Amino acid sequence: MKETDDAGCRSIMNEARKMARNTMETIEKSNHEMGEQVKHDIQALEDEVEHYFKK
């Protein structure tokens, strides 16, 4: 019975590690995409401010 419990526990832990890695990859991808969007938004805002003050 102990061997079955240990195998089950290892299986659960392996699945948890896999899910954690996938979650981290998703978070990193999302952060990168948001970072790119923020850069674009800041550049657009800077352009708008510059245009406003050139009037």
PDB file of N, CA and C in Angstrom:
ATOM      1  N   MET A   1       0.832  -1.196   0.000  1.00  0.00           N
ATOM      2  CA  MET A   1       0.000   0.000   0.000  1.00  0.00           C
ATOM      3  C   MET A   1       0.873   1.256   0.000  1.00  0.00           C
ATOM      4  N   LYS A   2       1.960   1.257   0.762  1.00  0.00           N
ATOM      5  CA  LYS A   2       2.858   2.422   0.833  1.00  0.00           C
ATOM      6  C   LYS A   2       3.445   2.743  -0.535  1.00  0.00           C
ATOM      7  N   GLU A   3       3.847   1.730  -1.305  1.00  0.00           N
ATOM      8  CA  GLU A   3       4.424   1.952  -2.630  1.00  0.00           C
ATOM      9  C   GLU A   3       3.408   2.605  -3.562  1.00  0.00           C
ATOM     10  N   THR A   4       2.165   2.188  -3.473  1.00  0.00           N
ATOM     11  CA  THR A   4       1.096   2.767  -4.291  1.00  0.00           C
ATOM     12  C   THR A   4       0.876   4.219  -3.913  1.00  0.00           C
ATOM     13  N   ASP A   5       0.890   4.497  -2.606  1.00  0.00           N
ATOM     14  CA  ASP A   5       0.727   5.869  -2.134  1.00  0.00           C
ATOM     15  C   ASP A   5       1.880   6.748  -2.616  1.00  0.00           C
ATOM     16  N   ASP A   6       3.119   6.214  -2.530  1.00  0.00           N
ATOM     17  CA  ASP A   6       4.294   6.972  -2.972  1.00  0.00           C
ATOM     18  C   ASP A   6       4.215   7.249  -4.474  1.00  0.00           C
ATOM     19  N   ALA A   7       3.821   6.264  -5.253  1.00  0.00           N
ATOM     20  CA  ALA A   7       3.701   6.443  -6.703  1.00  0.00           C
ATOM     21  C   ALA A   7       2.620   7.473  -7.020  1.00  0.00           C
ATOM     22  N   GLY A   8       1.530   7.414  -6.302  1.00  0.00           N
ATOM     23  CA  GLY A   8       0.454   8.389  -6.512  1.00  0.00           C
ATOM     24  C   GLY A   8       0.908   9.794  -6.168  1.00  0.00           C
ATOM     25  N   CYS A   9       1.643   9.904  -5.076  1.00  0.00           N
ATOM     26  CA  CYS A   9       2.160  11.207  -4.645  1.00  0.00           C
ATOM     27  C   CYS A   9       3.143  11.756  -5.670  1.00  0.00           C
ATOM     28  N   ARG A  10       4.039  10.898  -6.165  1.00  0.00           N
ATOM     29  CA  ARG A  10       4.995  11.333  -7.192  1.00  0.00           C
ATOM     30  C   ARG A  10       4.265  11.791  -8.449  1.00  0.00           C
ATOM     31  N   SER A  11       3.247  11.066  -8.822  1.00  0.00           N
ATOM     32  CA  SER A  11       2.471  11.428 -10.004  1.00  0.00           C
ATOM     33  C   SER A  11       1.807  12.793  -9.827  1.00  0.00           C
ATOM     34  N   ILE A  12       1.224  13.003  -8.671  1.00  0.00           N
ATOM     35  CA  ILE A  12       0.575  14.290  -8.379  1.00  0.00           C
ATOM     36  C   ILE A  12       1.606  15.420  -8.380  1.00  0.00           C
ATOM     37  N   MET A  13       2.762  15.180  -7.770  1.00  0.00           N
ATOM     38  CA  MET A  13       3.805  16.211  -7.716  1.00  0.00           C
ATOM     39  C   MET A  13       4.345  16.524  -9.112  1.00  0.00           C
ATOM     40  N   ASN A  14       4.525  15.493  -9.934  1.00  0.00           N
ATOM     41  CA  ASN A  14       4.993  15.720 -11.307  1.00  0.00           C
ATOM     42  C   ASN A  14       3.984  16.553 -12.083  1.00  0.00           C
ATOM     43  N   GLU A  15       2.710  16.252 -11.928  1.00  0.00           N
ATOM     44  CA  GLU A  15       1.658  17.011 -12.597  1.00  0.00           C
ATOM     45  C   GLU A  15       1.628  18.457 -12.076  1.00  0.00           C
ATOM     46  N   ALA A  16       1.813  18.637 -10.787  1.00  0.00           N
ATOM     47  CA  ALA A  16       1.833  19.985 -10.203  1.00  0.00           C
ATOM     48  C   ALA A  16       3.009  20.789 -10.745  1.00  0.00           C
ATOM     49  N   ARG A  17       4.174  20.163 -10.869  1.00  0.00           N
ATOM     50  CA  ARG A  17       5.343  20.855 -11.433  1.00  0.00           C
ATOM     51  C   ARG A  17       5.083  21.269 -12.876  1.00  0.00           C
ATOM     52  N   LYS A  18       4.502  20.362 -13.638  1.00  0.00           N
ATOM     53  CA  LYS A  18       4.186  20.644 -15.039  1.00  0.00           C
ATOM     54  C   LYS A  18       3.203  21.814 -15.139  1.00  0.00           C
ATOM     55  N   MET A  19       2.190  21.809 -14.310  1.00  0.00           N
ATOM     56  CA  MET A  19       1.205  22.888 -14.321  1.00  0.00           C
ATOM     57  C   MET A  19       1.848  24.211 -13.902  1.00  0.00           C
ATOM     58  N   ALA A  20       2.733  24.163 -12.923  1.00  0.00           N
ATOM     59  CA  ALA A  20       3.423  25.373 -12.461  1.00  0.00           C
ATOM     60  C   ALA A  20       4.300  25.946 -13.574  1.00  0.00           C
ATOM     61  N   ARG A  21       5.022  25.082 -14.284  1.00  0.00           N
ATOM     62  CA  ARG A  21       5.851  25.550 -15.405  1.00  0.00           C
ATOM     63  C   ARG A  21       4.986  26.199 -16.482  1.00  0.00           C
ATOM     64  N   ASN A  22       3.874  25.559 -16.821  1.00  0.00           N
ATOM     65  CA  ASN A  22       2.972  26.117 -17.827  1.00  0.00           C
ATOM     66  C   ASN A  22       2.414  27.460 -17.379  1.00  0.00           C
ATOM     67  N   THR A  23       2.072  27.558 -16.107  1.00  0.00           N
ATOM     68  CA  THR A  23       1.550  28.816 -15.576  1.00  0.00           C
ATOM     69  C   THR A  23       2.602  29.908 -15.663  1.00  0.00           C
ATOM     70  N   MET A  24       3.835  29.601 -15.286  1.00  0.00           N
ATOM     71  CA  MET A  24       4.914  30.591 -15.351  1.00  0.00           C
ATOM     72  C   MET A  24       5.170  31.029 -16.791  1.00  0.00           C
ATOM     73  N   GLU A  25       5.140  30.106 -17.730  1.00  0.00           N
ATOM     74  CA  GLU A  25       5.332  30.454 -19.141  1.00  0.00           C
ATOM     75  C   GLU A  25       4.223  31.383 -19.618  1.00  0.00           C
ATOM     76  N   THR A  26       3.003  31.094 -19.211  1.00  0.00           N
ATOM     77  CA  THR A  26       1.863  31.940 -19.586  1.00  0.00           C
ATOM     78  C   THR A  26       2.006  33.336 -18.997  1.00  0.00           C
ATOM     79  N   ILE A  27       2.407  33.410 -17.733  1.00  0.00           N
ATOM     80  CA  ILE A  27       2.598  34.706 -17.070  1.00  0.00           C
ATOM     81  C   ILE A  27       3.712  35.496 -17.755  1.00  0.00           C
ATOM     82  N   GLU A  28       4.826  34.843 -18.055  1.00  0.00           N
ATOM     83  CA  GLU A  28       5.944  35.532 -18.700  1.00  0.00           C
ATOM     84  C   GLU A  28       5.549  36.052 -20.073  1.00  0.00           C
ATOM     85  N   LYS A  29       4.815  35.250 -20.831  1.00  0.00           N
ATOM     86  CA  LYS A  29       4.356  35.670 -22.157  1.00  0.00           C
ATOM     87  C   LYS A  29       3.418  36.871 -22.027  1.00  0.00           C
ATOM     88  N   SER A  30       2.503  36.808 -21.086  1.00  0.00           N
ATOM     89  CA  SER A  30       1.557  37.897 -20.869  1.00  0.00           C
ATOM     90  C   SER A  30       2.287  39.174 -20.452  1.00  0.00           C
ATOM     91  N   ASN A  31       3.258  39.053 -19.558  1.00  0.00           N
ATOM     92  CA  ASN A  31       4.036  40.212 -19.112  1.00  0.00           C
ATOM     93  C   ASN A  31       4.781  40.852 -20.283  1.00  0.00           C
ATOM     94  N   HIS A  32       5.339  40.005 -21.134  1.00  0.00           N
ATOM     95  CA  HIS A  32       6.065  40.520 -22.303  1.00  0.00           C
ATOM     96  C   HIS A  32       5.111  41.272 -23.225  1.00  0.00           C
ATOM     97  N   GLU A  33       3.942  40.693 -23.479  1.00  0.00           N
ATOM     98  CA  GLU A  33       2.966  41.335 -24.350  1.00  0.00           C
ATOM     99  C   GLU A  33       2.476  42.645 -23.749  1.00  0.00           C
ATOM    100  N   MET A  34       2.216  42.649 -22.449  1.00  0.00           N
ATOM    101  CA  MET A  34       1.772  43.880 -21.789  1.00  0.00           C
ATOM    102  C   MET A  34       2.882  44.926 -21.819  1.00  0.00           C
ATOM    103  N   GLY A  35       4.113  44.488 -21.622  1.00  0.00           N
ATOM    104  CA  GLY A  35       5.253  45.408 -21.665  1.00  0.00           C
ATOM    105  C   GLY A  35       5.373  46.082 -23.017  1.00  0.00           C
ATOM    106  N   GLU A  36       5.193  45.316 -24.082  1.00  0.00           N
ATOM    107  CA  GLU A  36       5.246  45.881 -25.425  1.00  0.00           C
ATOM    108  C   GLU A  36       4.112  46.881 -25.625  1.00  0.00           C
ATOM    109  N   GLN A  37       2.932  46.562 -25.128  1.00  0.00           N
ATOM    110  CA  GLN A  37       1.796  47.466 -25.262  1.00  0.00           C
ATOM    111  C   GLN A  37       2.031  48.756 -24.478  1.00  0.00           C
ATOM    112  N   VAL A  38       2.611  48.626 -23.290  1.00  0.00           N
ATOM    113  CA  VAL A  38       2.908  49.810 -22.476  1.00  0.00           C
ATOM    114  C   VAL A  38       3.907  50.704 -23.215  1.00  0.00           C
ATOM    115  N   LYS A  39       4.951  50.109 -23.811  1.00  0.00           N
ATOM    116  CA  LYS A  39       5.929  50.896 -24.565  1.00  0.00           C
ATOM    117  C   LYS A  39       5.237  51.654 -25.691  1.00  0.00           C
ATOM    118  N   HIS A  40       4.353  50.986 -26.397  1.00  0.00           N
ATOM    119  CA  HIS A  40       3.621  51.610 -27.494  1.00  0.00           C
ATOM    120  C   HIS A  40       2.749  52.753 -26.968  1.00  0.00           C
ATOM    121  N   ASP A  41       2.046  52.512 -25.874  1.00  0.00           N
ATOM    122  CA  ASP A  41       1.171  53.539 -25.298  1.00  0.00           C
ATOM    123  C   ASP A  41       1.963  54.758 -24.831  1.00  0.00           C
ATOM    124  N   ILE A  42       3.118  54.522 -24.213  1.00  0.00           N
ATOM    125  CA  ILE A  42       3.959  55.635 -23.744  1.00  0.00           C
ATOM    126  C   ILE A  42       4.462  56.443 -24.931  1.00  0.00           C
ATOM    127  N   GLN A  43       4.892  55.752 -25.983  1.00  0.00           N
ATOM    128  CA  GLN A  43       5.371  56.451 -27.172  1.00  0.00           C
ATOM    129  C   GLN A  43       4.253  57.288 -27.791  1.00  0.00           C
ATOM    130  N   ALA A  44       3.054  56.742 -27.864  1.00  0.00           N
ATOM    131  CA  ALA A  44       1.915  57.473 -28.419  1.00  0.00           C
ATOM    132  C   ALA A  44       1.605  58.702 -27.560  1.00  0.00           C
ATOM    133  N   LEU A  45       1.668  58.547 -26.258  1.00  0.00           N
ATOM    134  CA  LEU A  45       1.414  59.669 -25.357  1.00  0.00           C
ATOM    135  C   LEU A  45       2.493  60.742 -25.516  1.00  0.00           C
ATOM    136  N   GLU A  46       3.755  60.333 -25.600  1.00  0.00           N
ATOM    137  CA  GLU A  46       4.839  61.290 -25.804  1.00  0.00           C
ATOM    138  C   GLU A  46       4.652  62.044 -27.110  1.00  0.00           C
ATOM    139  N   ASP A  47       4.266  61.335 -28.177  1.00  0.00           N
ATOM    140  CA  ASP A  47       4.017  61.976 -29.469  1.00  0.00           C
ATOM    141  C   ASP A  47       2.888  62.980 -29.375  1.00  0.00           C
ATOM    142  N   GLU A  48       1.841  62.616 -28.660  1.00  0.00           N
ATOM    143  CA  GLU A  48       0.688  63.501 -28.502  1.00  0.00           C
ATOM    144  C   GLU A  48       1.069  64.764 -27.718  1.00  0.00           C
ATOM    145  N   VAL A  49       1.826  64.591 -26.639  1.00  0.00           N
ATOM    146  CA  VAL A  49       2.261  65.731 -25.837  1.00  0.00           C
ATOM    147  C   VAL A  49       3.169  66.632 -26.669  1.00  0.00           C
ATOM    148  N   GLU A  50       4.085  66.027 -27.389  1.00  0.00           N
ATOM    149  CA  GLU A  50       5.005  66.802 -28.230  1.00  0.00           C
ATOM    150  C   GLU A  50       4.224  67.595 -29.281  1.00  0.00           C
ATOM    151  N   HIS A  51       3.258  66.960 -29.910  1.00  0.00           N
ATOM    152  CA  HIS A  51       2.425  67.624 -30.914  1.00  0.00           C
ATOM    153  C   HIS A  51       1.647  68.782 -30.284  1.00  0.00           C
ATOM    154  N   TYR A  52       1.133  68.581 -29.112  1.00  0.00           N
ATOM    155  CA  TYR A  52       0.343  69.611 -28.418  1.00  0.00           C
ATOM    156  C   TYR A  52       1.191  70.862 -28.162  1.00  0.00           C
ATOM    157  N   PHE A  53       2.440  70.637 -27.689  1.00  0.00           N
ATOM    158  CA  PHE A  53       3.269  71.782 -27.342  1.00  0.00           C
ATOM    159  C   PHE A  53       3.903  72.457 -28.553  1.00  0.00           C
ATOM    160  N   LYS A  54       3.888  71.806 -29.711  1.00  0.00           N
ATOM    161  CA  LYS A  54       4.400  72.428 -30.921  1.00  0.00           C
ATOM    162  C   LYS A  54       3.405  73.369 -31.561  1.00  0.00           C
ATOM    163  N   LYS A  55       2.156  73.314 -31.132  1.00  0.00           N
ATOM    164  CA  LYS A  55       1.106  74.175 -31.710  1.00  0.00           C
ATOM    165  C   LYS A  55       1.386  75.621 -31.443  1.00  0.00           C
TER     166      LYS A  55
END
